[in-house]
Amino acid sequence: MAWNEINYSCGHSDRIQMYGPHRARESKKEWMERGVCPECYRKQKVEERAKERQVAAEQARASGLPALVGSEKQVAWAEVIRKNALASPQNNVLSRESFAARLKSLPVDEQQSSRGVFEAVRTAR
């Protein structure tokens, strides 16, 4: 057990307690100093999530998707989920036109079920 001063790449420093063999502690210290401090990491993640939510909301409006209903946090999270679901390779349909083009390539029996799924996603609230 030893106390080590960690000088993070973001410029902040911290004093932390480490356990284990000396070589392992030194290795962990070097690894930690290559990254940012926990507070800067949290701030980065908050900014990344805010940017992702903004992009998802803009894409939903541009695609003509209906507005979602719920609290501000619920709507923000649901918009990101919807954007990722619609952009996935298994369900890459963001507009009625692109869906119609893909629908023609499907067998007749799959076309009807695909239409139902598409409409359910577009009108989901």
C-alpha atoms as a PDB file:
ATOM      1  CA  MET A   1       0.000   0.000   0.000  1.00  0.00           C
ATOM      2  CA  ALA A   2       1.399   3.383  -1.001  1.00  0.00           C
ATOM      3  CA  TRP A   3       0.250   6.901  -1.716  1.00  0.00           C
ATOM      4  CA  ASN A   4       1.095   8.232  -5.174  1.00  0.00           C
ATOM      5  CA  GLU A   5       0.802  11.667  -6.741  1.00  0.00           C
ATOM      6  CA  ILE A   6      -0.870  11.355 -10.140  1.00  0.00           C
ATOM      7  CA  ASN A   7      -0.373  14.190 -12.647  1.00  0.00           C
ATOM      8  CA  TYR A   8      -3.104  13.702 -15.259  1.00  0.00           C
ATOM      9  CA  SER A   9      -2.705  14.782 -18.884  1.00  0.00           C
ATOM     10  CA  CYS A  10      -5.419  17.428 -18.365  1.00  0.00           C
ATOM     11  CA  GLY A  11      -3.148  19.260 -15.912  1.00  0.00           C
ATOM     12  CA  HIS A  12      -4.934  18.239 -12.734  1.00  0.00           C
ATOM     13  CA  SER A  13      -3.285  16.147 -10.059  1.00  0.00           C
ATOM     14  CA  ASP A  14      -4.515  13.875  -7.288  1.00  0.00           C
ATOM     15  CA  ARG A  15      -3.090  11.812  -4.488  1.00  0.00           C
ATOM     16  CA  ILE A  16      -4.355   8.234  -4.527  1.00  0.00           C
ATOM     17  CA  GLN A  17      -3.639   5.099  -2.582  1.00  0.00           C
ATOM     18  CA  MET A  18      -2.444   2.086  -4.579  1.00  0.00           C
ATOM     19  CA  TYR A  19      -2.030  -1.540  -3.605  1.00  0.00           C
ATOM     20  CA  GLY A  20       0.060  -4.360  -4.975  1.00  0.00           C
ATOM     21  CA  PRO A  21       3.662  -4.897  -6.008  1.00  0.00           C
ATOM     22  CA  HIS A  22       5.808  -1.859  -6.755  1.00  0.00           C
ATOM     23  CA  ARG A  23       6.051  -2.658 -10.483  1.00  0.00           C
ATOM     24  CA  ALA A  24       2.256  -2.931 -10.780  1.00  0.00           C
ATOM     25  CA  ARG A  25       1.761   0.382  -8.937  1.00  0.00           C
ATOM     26  CA  GLU A  26       4.254   2.137 -11.222  1.00  0.00           C
ATOM     27  CA  SER A  27       2.564   0.690 -14.300  1.00  0.00           C
ATOM     28  CA  LYS A  28      -0.859   1.808 -13.095  1.00  0.00           C
ATOM     29  CA  LYS A  29       0.474   5.274 -12.268  1.00  0.00           C
ATOM     30  CA  GLU A  30       1.910   5.660 -15.783  1.00  0.00           C
ATOM     31  CA  TRP A  31      -1.364   4.481 -17.302  1.00  0.00           C
ATOM     32  CA  MET A  32      -3.416   6.894 -15.188  1.00  0.00           C
ATOM     33  CA  GLU A  33      -1.159   9.830 -16.069  1.00  0.00           C
ATOM     34  CA  ARG A  34      -1.820   9.264 -19.785  1.00  0.00           C
ATOM     35  CA  GLY A  35      -5.530   9.936 -19.202  1.00  0.00           C
ATOM     36  CA  VAL A  36      -7.578  12.782 -17.804  1.00  0.00           C
ATOM     37  CA  CYS A  37      -8.730  13.152 -14.215  1.00  0.00           C
ATOM     38  CA  PRO A  38     -12.100  11.680 -13.177  1.00  0.00           C
ATOM     39  CA  GLU A  39     -13.774  15.121 -13.112  1.00  0.00           C
ATOM     40  CA  CYS A  40     -12.582  16.040 -16.626  1.00  0.00           C
ATOM     41  CA  TYR A  41     -13.641  12.587 -17.853  1.00  0.00           C
ATOM     42  CA  ARG A  42     -17.157  13.132 -16.482  1.00  0.00           C
ATOM     43  CA  LYS A  43     -17.343  16.543 -18.164  1.00  0.00           C
ATOM     44  CA  GLN A  44     -16.228  15.048 -21.489  1.00  0.00           C
ATOM     45  CA  LYS A  45     -18.895  12.349 -21.285  1.00  0.00           C
ATOM     46  CA  VAL A  46     -21.624  14.891 -20.452  1.00  0.00           C
ATOM     47  CA  GLU A  47     -20.595  17.001 -23.463  1.00  0.00           C
ATOM     48  CA  GLU A  48     -20.484  13.948 -25.755  1.00  0.00           C
ATOM     49  CA  ARG A  49     -23.963  12.854 -24.661  1.00  0.00           C
ATOM     50  CA  ALA A  50     -25.372  16.363 -25.114  1.00  0.00           C
ATOM     51  CA  LYS A  51     -23.942  16.537 -28.628  1.00  0.00           C
ATOM     52  CA  GLU A  52     -25.324  13.083 -29.449  1.00  0.00           C
ATOM     53  CA  ARG A  53     -28.782  14.081 -28.172  1.00  0.00           C
ATOM     54  CA  GLN A  54     -28.696  17.269 -30.256  1.00  0.00           C
ATOM     55  CA  VAL A  55     -27.749  15.356 -33.414  1.00  0.00           C
ATOM     56  CA  ALA A  56     -30.499  12.793 -32.758  1.00  0.00           C
ATOM     57  CA  ALA A  57     -33.128  15.516 -32.279  1.00  0.00           C
ATOM     58  CA  GLU A  58     -32.063  17.293 -35.480  1.00  0.00           C
ATOM     59  CA  GLN A  59     -32.154  14.050 -37.470  1.00  0.00           C
ATOM     60  CA  ALA A  60     -35.603  13.204 -36.124  1.00  0.00           C
ATOM     61  CA  ARG A  61     -36.969  16.615 -37.157  1.00  0.00           C
ATOM     62  CA  ALA A  62     -35.311  16.408 -40.582  1.00  0.00           C
ATOM     63  CA  SER A  63     -36.708  12.900 -41.142  1.00  0.00           C
ATOM     64  CA  GLY A  64     -40.226  13.949 -40.209  1.00  0.00           C
ATOM     65  CA  LEU A  65     -40.418  11.609 -37.245  1.00  0.00           C
ATOM     66  CA  PRO A  66     -43.078  12.465 -34.663  1.00  0.00           C
ATOM     67  CA  ALA A  67     -42.103  14.248 -31.472  1.00  0.00           C
ATOM     68  CA  LEU A  68     -41.639  11.982 -28.474  1.00  0.00           C
ATOM     69  CA  VAL A  69     -43.585  12.448 -25.255  1.00  0.00           C
ATOM     70  CA  GLY A  70     -42.112  12.277 -21.749  1.00  0.00           C
ATOM     71  CA  SER A  71     -39.827  14.146 -19.431  1.00  0.00           C
ATOM     72  CA  GLU A  72     -36.914  16.069 -20.906  1.00  0.00           C
ATOM     73  CA  LYS A  73     -34.463  13.326 -19.936  1.00  0.00           C
ATOM     74  CA  GLN A  74     -36.706  10.554 -21.254  1.00  0.00           C
ATOM     75  CA  VAL A  75     -37.208  12.285 -24.599  1.00  0.00           C
ATOM     76  CA  ALA A  76     -33.486  13.027 -24.984  1.00  0.00           C
ATOM     77  CA  TRP A  77     -32.527   9.426 -24.280  1.00  0.00           C
ATOM     78  CA  ALA A  78     -35.326   7.989 -26.441  1.00  0.00           C
ATOM     79  CA  GLU A  79     -34.311  10.159 -29.403  1.00  0.00           C
ATOM     80  CA  VAL A  80     -30.778   8.748 -29.239  1.00  0.00           C
ATOM     81  CA  ILE A  81     -32.136   5.198 -29.019  1.00  0.00           C
ATOM     82  CA  ARG A  82     -34.481   5.824 -31.966  1.00  0.00           C
ATOM     83  CA  LYS A  83     -31.657   7.354 -34.054  1.00  0.00           C
ATOM     84  CA  ASN A  84     -29.380   4.381 -33.363  1.00  0.00           C
ATOM     85  CA  ALA A  85     -32.148   1.868 -34.065  1.00  0.00           C
ATOM     86  CA  LEU A  86     -33.097   3.485 -37.356  1.00  0.00           C
ATOM     87  CA  ALA A  87     -29.472   3.836 -38.430  1.00  0.00           C
ATOM     88  CA  SER A  88     -28.555   0.233 -37.638  1.00  0.00           C
ATOM     89  CA  PRO A  89     -27.688  -1.974 -40.617  1.00  0.00           C
ATOM     90  CA  GLN A  90     -30.669  -4.225 -39.826  1.00  0.00           C
ATOM     91  CA  ASN A  91     -33.143  -1.323 -39.965  1.00  0.00           C
ATOM     92  CA  ASN A  92     -31.611   1.366 -42.155  1.00  0.00           C
ATOM     93  CA  VAL A  93     -34.792   3.313 -42.999  1.00  0.00           C
ATOM     94  CA  LEU A  94     -34.865   7.012 -42.213  1.00  0.00           C
ATOM     95  CA  SER A  95     -37.311   8.156 -44.862  1.00  0.00           C
ATOM     96  CA  ARG A  96     -40.418   6.829 -46.538  1.00  0.00           C
ATOM     97  CA  GLU A  97     -38.685   7.064 -49.939  1.00  0.00           C
ATOM     98  CA  SER A  98     -35.675   4.957 -48.974  1.00  0.00           C
ATOM     99  CA  PHE A  99     -38.016   2.463 -47.335  1.00  0.00           C
ATOM    100  CA  ALA A 100     -40.163   2.201 -50.456  1.00  0.00           C
ATOM    101  CA  ALA A 101     -37.087   1.520 -52.576  1.00  0.00           C
ATOM    102  CA  ARG A 102     -35.883  -1.233 -50.234  1.00  0.00           C
ATOM    103  CA  LEU A 103     -39.377  -2.694 -49.883  1.00  0.00           C
ATOM    104  CA  LYS A 104     -39.532  -3.530 -53.606  1.00  0.00           C
ATOM    105  CA  SER A 105     -36.532  -5.829 -53.264  1.00  0.00           C
ATOM    106  CA  LEU A 106     -38.198  -7.968 -50.566  1.00  0.00           C
ATOM    107  CA  PRO A 107     -40.329 -11.057 -51.246  1.00  0.00           C
ATOM    108  CA  VAL A 108     -44.063 -10.307 -51.333  1.00  0.00           C
ATOM    109  CA  ASP A 109     -44.806 -12.058 -48.025  1.00  0.00           C
ATOM    110  CA  GLU A 110     -42.186  -9.947 -46.196  1.00  0.00           C
ATOM    111  CA  GLN A 111     -43.348  -6.657 -47.693  1.00  0.00           C
ATOM    112  CA  GLN A 112     -46.563  -6.437 -45.636  1.00  0.00           C
ATOM    113  CA  SER A 113     -44.887  -7.166 -42.290  1.00  0.00           C
ATOM    114  CA  SER A 114     -42.107  -4.697 -43.120  1.00  0.00           C
ATOM    115  CA  ARG A 115     -44.683  -1.979 -43.862  1.00  0.00           C
ATOM    116  CA  GLY A 116     -46.259  -2.559 -40.455  1.00  0.00           C
ATOM    117  CA  VAL A 117     -42.928  -2.319 -38.655  1.00  0.00           C
ATOM    118  CA  PHE A 118     -41.996   0.839 -40.560  1.00  0.00           C
ATOM    119  CA  GLU A 119     -45.268   2.578 -39.735  1.00  0.00           C
ATOM    120  CA  ALA A 120     -45.081   1.513 -36.078  1.00  0.00           C
ATOM    121  CA  VAL A 121     -41.597   3.029 -35.744  1.00  0.00           C
ATOM    122  CA  ARG A 122     -42.570   6.250 -37.539  1.00  0.00           C
ATOM    123  CA  THR A 123     -45.621   6.829 -35.372  1.00  0.00           C
ATOM    124  CA  ALA A 124     -44.192   5.636 -32.046  1.00  0.00           C
ATOM    125  CA  ARG A 125     -44.516   8.103 -29.174  1.00  0.00           C
END
